[in-house]
């Protein structure tokens, strides 16, 4: 997911994909990564 998100973020600055599904997937993955971040409690 991280690789996809980084690649899309970079390439979308160069290319206009014209497909909102890619953008939606990137936003979803970004939110999912935030939710799945594990924290160590002291």
C-alpha atoms as a PDB file:
ATOM      1  CA  UNK A   1       0.000   0.000   0.000  1.00  0.00           C
ATOM      2  CA  UNK A   2       2.764   2.419   0.906  1.00  0.00           C
ATOM      3  CA  UNK A   3       4.564   1.776  -2.375  1.00  0.00           C
ATOM      4  CA  UNK A   4       1.369   2.356  -4.360  1.00  0.00           C
ATOM      5  CA  UNK A   5       0.603   5.542  -2.449  1.00  0.00           C
ATOM      6  CA  UNK A   6       4.077   7.005  -2.929  1.00  0.00           C
ATOM      7  CA  UNK A   7       4.250   6.054  -6.605  1.00  0.00           C
ATOM      8  CA  UNK A   8       0.815   7.480  -7.336  1.00  0.00           C
ATOM      9  CA  UNK A   9       1.534  10.698  -5.430  1.00  0.00           C
ATOM     10  CA  UNK A  10       4.726  11.226  -7.410  1.00  0.00           C
ATOM     11  CA  UNK A  11       3.388  10.224 -10.819  1.00  0.00           C
ATOM     12  CA  UNK A  12       0.135  12.171 -10.459  1.00  0.00           C
ATOM     13  CA  UNK A  13       2.206  15.354 -10.403  1.00  0.00           C
ATOM     14  CA  UNK A  14       3.471  14.464 -13.890  1.00  0.00           C
ATOM     15  CA  UNK A  15       0.520  12.670 -15.517  1.00  0.00           C
ATOM     16  CA  UNK A  16      -3.199  13.373 -15.565  1.00  0.00           C
ATOM     17  CA  UNK A  17      -4.748   9.947 -15.198  1.00  0.00           C
ATOM     18  CA  UNK A  18      -8.294  11.163 -15.735  1.00  0.00           C
ATOM     19  CA  UNK A  19      -9.547   8.371 -13.475  1.00  0.00           C
ATOM     20  CA  UNK A  20     -10.826   9.225 -10.009  1.00  0.00           C
ATOM     21  CA  UNK A  21     -10.619   5.596  -8.854  1.00  0.00           C
ATOM     22  CA  UNK A  22      -6.843   5.927  -8.493  1.00  0.00           C
ATOM     23  CA  UNK A  23      -7.264   9.041  -6.365  1.00  0.00           C
ATOM     24  CA  UNK A  24      -9.947   7.421  -4.210  1.00  0.00           C
ATOM     25  CA  UNK A  25      -7.756   4.359  -3.647  1.00  0.00           C
ATOM     26  CA  UNK A  26      -4.817   6.541  -2.618  1.00  0.00           C
ATOM     27  CA  UNK A  27      -6.929   8.467  -0.104  1.00  0.00           C
ATOM     28  CA  UNK A  28      -8.345   5.210   1.276  1.00  0.00           C
ATOM     29  CA  UNK A  29      -4.877   3.688   1.691  1.00  0.00           C
ATOM     30  CA  UNK A  30      -3.604   6.829   3.407  1.00  0.00           C
ATOM     31  CA  UNK A  31      -6.458   6.722   5.923  1.00  0.00           C
ATOM     32  CA  UNK A  32      -6.047   2.977   6.410  1.00  0.00           C
ATOM     33  CA  UNK A  33      -2.333   3.378   7.162  1.00  0.00           C
ATOM     34  CA  UNK A  34      -3.139   5.962   9.837  1.00  0.00           C
ATOM     35  CA  UNK A  35      -5.648   3.613  11.453  1.00  0.00           C
ATOM     36  CA  UNK A  36      -3.248   0.651  11.387  1.00  0.00           C
ATOM     37  CA  UNK A  37      -0.318   2.427  12.990  1.00  0.00           C
ATOM     38  CA  UNK A  38       0.628   0.562  16.119  1.00  0.00           C
ATOM     39  CA  UNK A  39       1.768   2.486  19.168  1.00  0.00           C
ATOM     40  CA  UNK A  40       3.847   1.106  21.966  1.00  0.00           C
ATOM     41  CA  UNK A  41       2.509   1.997  25.386  1.00  0.00           C
ATOM     42  CA  UNK A  42       5.087   2.691  28.097  1.00  0.00           C
END
